[in-house]
Protein backbone atom coordinates (compact mmCIF):
# COMPACT_ATOMS: atom_id res chain seq x y z
CA UNK A 1 -28.86 -28.11 14.62
CA UNK A 2 -29.35 -24.54 14.30
CA UNK A 3 -27.39 -23.60 17.35
CA UNK A 4 -24.32 -25.48 15.57
CA UNK A 5 -24.65 -23.52 12.52
CA UNK A 6 -24.61 -20.27 14.62
CA UNK A 7 -21.51 -21.33 15.91
CA UNK A 8 -19.72 -22.20 12.74
CA UNK A 9 -21.10 -18.98 11.34
CA UNK A 10 -19.28 -17.23 14.36
CA UNK A 11 -16.19 -19.27 13.79
CA UNK A 12 -16.10 -18.58 9.94
CA UNK A 13 -17.56 -15.34 9.47
CA UNK A 14 -18.36 -14.54 5.60
CA UNK A 15 -17.34 -10.95 5.73
CA UNK A 16 -13.86 -9.27 6.79
CA UNK A 17 -15.42 -5.56 5.88
CA UNK A 18 -18.81 -4.12 5.21
CA UNK A 19 -20.20 -4.51 1.67
CA UNK A 20 -20.10 -1.01 1.15
CA UNK A 21 -16.31 -0.89 2.17
CA UNK A 22 -15.63 -4.19 0.10
CA UNK A 23 -17.30 -2.40 -3.10
CA UNK A 24 -15.25 1.06 -2.52
CA UNK A 25 -12.13 -0.95 -2.56
CA UNK A 26 -13.04 -2.57 -5.70
CA UNK A 27 -14.09 0.57 -7.18
CA UNK A 28 -10.38 1.95 -6.11
CA UNK A 29 -8.72 -0.99 -7.89
CA UNK A 30 -10.61 0.03 -11.14
CA UNK A 31 -9.90 3.43 -10.91
CA UNK A 32 -6.02 2.50 -10.10
CA UNK A 33 -6.08 0.22 -13.22
CA UNK A 34 -7.66 3.09 -15.41
CA UNK A 35 -5.45 5.67 -14.22
CA UNK A 36 -2.29 4.60 -12.77
CA UNK A 37 -0.30 1.97 -15.56
CA UNK A 38 -2.46 -1.23 -15.73
CA UNK A 39 0.73 -3.03 -17.52
CA UNK A 40 2.97 -2.06 -14.74
CA UNK A 41 0.58 -3.80 -12.39
CA UNK A 42 0.05 -6.59 -14.39
CA UNK A 43 3.76 -7.25 -15.50
CA UNK A 44 6.15 -5.90 -13.05
CA UNK A 45 4.40 -4.83 -9.90
CA UNK A 46 5.50 -7.30 -6.76
CA UNK A 47 3.99 -7.71 -3.21
CA UNK A 48 6.97 -6.13 -1.22
CA UNK A 49 7.72 -8.22 1.63
CA UNK A 50 9.67 -6.92 4.95
CA UNK A 51 12.71 -9.01 4.53
CA UNK A 52 16.38 -8.73 3.49
CA UNK A 53 15.75 -10.07 0.16
CA UNK A 54 13.55 -6.81 -0.54
CA UNK A 55 15.48 -4.57 1.38
CA UNK A 56 19.04 -5.51 1.35
CA UNK A 57 21.80 -3.19 2.61
CA UNK A 58 24.26 -2.43 5.39
CA UNK A 59 23.73 0.93 7.07
CA UNK A 60 25.68 2.70 9.61
CA UNK A 61 23.52 5.56 10.83
CA UNK A 62 19.66 6.79 11.20
CA UNK A 63 19.69 8.52 7.85
CA UNK A 64 21.60 5.90 5.94
CA UNK A 65 18.93 3.36 6.96
CA UNK A 66 16.10 5.99 5.96
CA UNK A 67 17.81 6.27 2.72
CA UNK A 68 18.25 2.53 2.23
CA UNK A 69 14.77 1.85 2.61
CA UNK A 70 13.45 4.98 0.79
CA UNK A 71 15.65 3.83 -2.32
CA UNK A 72 14.01 0.47 -2.36
CA UNK A 73 10.61 1.71 -1.68
CA UNK A 74 10.85 4.06 -4.46
CA UNK A 75 12.13 1.49 -7.13
CA UNK A 76 9.17 -1.01 -6.17
CA UNK A 77 6.88 1.92 -6.26
CA UNK A 78 7.95 2.14 -10.01
CA UNK A 79 8.63 5.79 -9.41
CA UNK A 80 12.35 5.94 -9.88
CA UNK A 81 12.31 8.69 -12.83
CA UNK A 82 10.45 10.70 -10.26
CA UNK A 83 12.31 13.58 -8.75
CA UNK A 84 11.81 12.49 -5.09
CA UNK A 85 14.47 13.58 -2.87
CA UNK A 86 14.86 12.06 0.72
CA UNK A 87 16.02 14.89 3.21
CA UNK A 88 17.05 15.02 6.70
CA UNK A 89 14.32 16.21 9.07
CA UNK A 90 16.45 18.91 10.26
CA UNK A 91 16.79 19.99 6.58
CA UNK A 92 13.42 20.21 5.39
CA UNK A 93 11.52 23.28 4.77
CA UNK A 94 8.53 24.38 3.47
CA UNK A 95 7.97 23.49 -0.05
CA UNK A 96 5.36 24.46 -2.60
CA UNK A 97 3.48 21.58 -4.26
CA UNK A 98 5.41 20.99 -7.38
CA UNK A 99 3.44 20.57 -10.84
CA UNK A 100 5.24 17.99 -12.90
CA UNK A 101 2.58 18.45 -15.79
CA UNK A 102 2.93 15.14 -16.72
CA UNK A 103 1.21 13.86 -20.05
CA UNK A 104 0.93 10.20 -18.95
CA UNK A 105 1.32 8.41 -15.48
CA UNK A 106 3.13 5.33 -16.89
CA UNK A 107 5.52 4.07 -14.15
CA UNK A 108 8.84 2.77 -14.97
CA UNK A 109 8.53 4.24 -18.43
CA UNK A 110 11.34 6.09 -20.71
CA UNK A 111 8.59 8.57 -21.88
CA UNK A 112 7.71 9.64 -18.18
CA UNK A 113 11.39 9.82 -17.47
CA UNK A 114 11.62 12.53 -20.24
CA UNK A 115 8.66 14.62 -18.84
CA UNK A 116 9.97 15.01 -15.15
CA UNK A 117 13.87 15.12 -15.98
CA UNK A 118 14.12 18.93 -15.68
CA UNK A 119 11.67 19.25 -12.49
CA UNK A 120 13.04 20.53 -9.38
CA UNK A 121 13.20 17.66 -6.69
CA UNK A 122 10.24 17.13 -4.58
CA UNK A 123 11.51 16.78 -0.92
CA UNK A 124 10.47 13.97 1.33
CA UNK A 125 11.53 13.53 4.84
CA UNK A 126 10.96 10.84 7.73
CA UNK A 127 10.38 10.30 11.30
CA UNK A 128 13.64 9.13 12.82
CA UNK A 129 11.84 7.15 15.19
CA UNK A 130 10.21 5.12 12.42
CA UNK A 131 13.98 3.87 11.42
CA UNK A 132 13.54 1.57 14.31
CA UNK A 133 10.52 -0.18 12.42
CA UNK A 134 11.65 -0.47 8.91
CA UNK A 135 8.01 -1.99 7.41
CA UNK A 136 6.42 1.28 9.19
CA UNK A 137 8.88 3.53 7.45
CA UNK A 138 8.71 1.88 3.87
CA UNK A 139 4.60 1.86 4.35
CA UNK A 140 5.02 5.86 5.40
CA UNK A 141 6.91 6.37 1.98
CA UNK A 142 4.56 4.16 0.09
CA UNK A 143 1.65 6.16 0.94
CA UNK A 144 3.56 9.42 0.50
CA UNK A 145 4.58 8.26 -2.99
CA UNK A 146 0.70 7.38 -3.90
CA UNK A 147 -0.48 10.91 -2.49
CA UNK A 148 1.81 12.59 -4.80
CA UNK A 149 0.69 10.38 -7.67
CA UNK A 150 -2.84 11.05 -7.06
CA UNK A 151 -2.19 14.69 -6.53
CA UNK A 152 -0.29 15.09 -9.70
CA UNK A 153 -2.98 13.00 -11.88
CA UNK A 154 -5.65 15.15 -10.76
CA UNK A 155 -7.74 12.16 -10.87
CA UNK A 156 -10.30 12.21 -8.12
CA UNK A 157 -10.79 8.60 -6.40
CA UNK A 158 -14.18 7.03 -5.66
CA UNK A 159 -15.85 9.07 -3.08
CA UNK A 160 -14.11 12.15 -4.56
CA UNK A 161 -11.92 14.46 -2.39
CA UNK A 162 -13.70 13.28 1.07
CA UNK A 163 -11.62 9.99 0.70
CA UNK A 164 -8.10 11.23 -0.62
CA UNK A 165 -6.14 9.84 2.09
CA UNK A 166 -7.99 6.60 2.19
CA UNK A 167 -7.83 6.00 -1.79
CA UNK A 168 -4.29 6.82 -1.78
CA UNK A 169 -3.76 4.24 0.85
CA UNK A 170 -5.41 1.68 -1.23
CA UNK A 171 -3.02 2.99 -4.13
CA UNK A 172 -0.20 2.25 -2.16
CA UNK A 173 -1.59 -1.14 -1.98
CA UNK A 174 -2.30 -1.25 -5.39
CA UNK A 175 1.60 -0.50 -5.81
CA UNK A 176 2.46 -3.62 -3.94
CA UNK A 177 2.77 -2.40 -0.34
CA UNK A 178 -0.13 -4.20 1.14
CA UNK A 179 1.82 -6.50 3.82
CA UNK A 180 3.97 -3.50 4.99
CA UNK A 181 0.80 -1.38 5.42
CA UNK A 182 -1.66 -4.26 6.99
CA UNK A 183 1.31 -5.13 9.40
CA UNK A 184 1.74 -1.33 10.58
CA UNK A 185 -1.81 -0.51 10.57
CA UNK A 186 -2.06 -0.96 14.23
CA UNK A 187 0.40 -1.70 17.01
CA UNK A 188 -0.80 -3.36 20.09
CA UNK A 189 0.29 -1.20 23.27
CA UNK A 190 1.10 -4.12 25.53
CA UNK A 191 0.72 -4.48 29.09
CA UNK A 192 2.98 -1.93 30.83
CA UNK A 193 3.69 0.07 27.72
CA UNK A 194 7.25 0.25 28.55
CA UNK A 195 8.14 -1.14 25.17
CA UNK A 196 5.82 0.77 23.34
CA UNK A 197 6.98 4.06 21.28
CA UNK A 198 4.07 5.89 19.80
CA UNK A 199 6.68 8.03 17.76
CA UNK A 200 7.53 5.12 15.57
CA UNK A 201 3.95 4.06 14.44
CA UNK A 202 2.69 4.96 11.36
CA UNK A 203 -0.43 6.68 11.20
CA UNK A 204 -2.86 4.52 8.88
CA UNK A 205 -5.88 6.19 7.05
CA UNK A 206 -7.78 2.62 6.56
CA UNK A 207 -8.60 0.11 9.02
CA UNK A 208 -6.33 -2.94 9.47
CA UNK A 209 -9.11 -4.94 8.22
CA UNK A 210 -9.68 -2.67 5.07
CA UNK A 211 -5.90 -3.02 4.23
CA UNK A 212 -5.98 -6.64 4.67
CA UNK A 213 -8.87 -6.98 2.16
CA UNK A 214 -7.20 -4.84 -0.24
CA UNK A 215 -4.10 -6.71 0.07
CA UNK A 216 -6.04 -10.11 -0.64
CA UNK A 217 -7.63 -8.67 -3.76
CA UNK A 218 -4.22 -7.56 -5.04
CA UNK A 219 -2.95 -11.10 -4.47
CA UNK A 220 -5.79 -12.58 -6.32
CA UNK A 221 -5.41 -10.21 -9.27
CA UNK A 222 -1.89 -11.14 -9.28
CA UNK A 223 -2.29 -14.72 -9.08
CA UNK A 224 -0.17 -14.85 -5.54
CA UNK A 225 -0.96 -18.07 -3.42
CA UNK A 226 -2.29 -17.26 -0.07
CA UNK A 227 0.77 -18.95 1.58
CA UNK A 228 3.34 -16.87 -0.39
CA UNK A 229 0.95 -13.65 0.60
CA UNK A 230 0.86 -14.45 4.25
CA UNK A 231 4.40 -15.55 4.79
CA UNK A 232 5.39 -12.09 6.49
CA UNK A 233 2.04 -11.15 7.64
CA UNK A 234 1.38 -10.95 10.98
CA UNK A 235 0.06 -13.97 12.65
CA UNK A 236 -3.14 -12.37 13.87
CA UNK A 237 -3.78 -10.96 10.56
CA UNK A 238 -3.56 -14.18 8.57
CA UNK A 239 -7.35 -15.84 9.73
CA UNK A 240 -8.56 -12.08 8.39
CA UNK A 241 -6.62 -12.72 5.10
CA UNK A 242 -8.70 -16.01 4.68
CA UNK A 243 -11.83 -14.08 5.47
CA UNK A 244 -11.05 -11.64 2.80
CA UNK A 245 -10.27 -14.45 0.28
CA UNK A 246 -13.76 -15.82 0.93
CA UNK A 247 -15.58 -12.53 0.73
CA UNK A 248 -13.84 -11.57 -2.55
CA UNK A 249 -14.67 -15.19 -4.16
CA UNK A 250 -18.44 -14.88 -3.06
CA UNK A 251 -18.43 -11.06 -4.57
CA UNK A 252 -17.36 -12.37 -8.03
CA UNK A 253 -18.80 -15.87 -7.99
CA UNK A 254 -20.59 -14.94 -11.52
CA UNK A 255 -17.68 -13.99 -13.22
CA UNK A 256 -13.68 -14.32 -12.64
CA UNK A 257 -11.98 -11.73 -10.66
CA UNK A 258 -9.90 -11.17 -13.74
CA UNK A 259 -12.84 -10.67 -16.00
CA UNK A 260 -14.49 -8.25 -13.59
CA UNK A 261 -11.58 -6.11 -13.77
CA UNK A 262 -11.22 -6.71 -17.67
CA UNK A 263 -7.87 -8.29 -17.03
CA UNK A 264 -8.81 -11.04 -19.49
């Protein structure tokens, strides 16, 4: 009987990430809810999926495709009112950090729009190779948006300045891009490598399992069913998502997840 139990534990692990990583991701979500517009998260943030429904549009060039993905990604991030401007890689030049001097960090708000109306554009560019992999490009844009949001807020995340890139990636998950970030976190090179294009891949700051865990936490807080959340998740990540759900629910057995995050 003991050996059978060991087999079951092996097939159905209870932890996707370490307790320390899980706790840090929980803390990042609490930090994001406190500093980056709780109401936007609750009422308007969606789980962005790599489909034509989320990224409609016909394009005729590499830059037009990047522009289309950029436009939709910026809208889902709730940062349409920020002075982001997409420029072609050949037109990108060194630019000092623009301090928006925002009084609040409400996304999609008229007040925030007035705050940034007269600010010079913040230029963002892209890797042309990534237009071959639209979800990688959108995930890269989302991570950049989150980095700017974190920088402008001047709010250090859990772990302080040593975890800025990792925390900004959790913030991008919080903004709804978890599936795209998880799908683009790791690309298998394949046997001969003839189809592998490293220039098209996104460079992730978190591990694949950490992003899946954060995505499952996002979906649980938003009440998104597993089937819906996993519809476009890579097949090999769906079992990881199930493990993440079990780990999250085990961590919150004493009280509901919504109560733990003061959402009720």
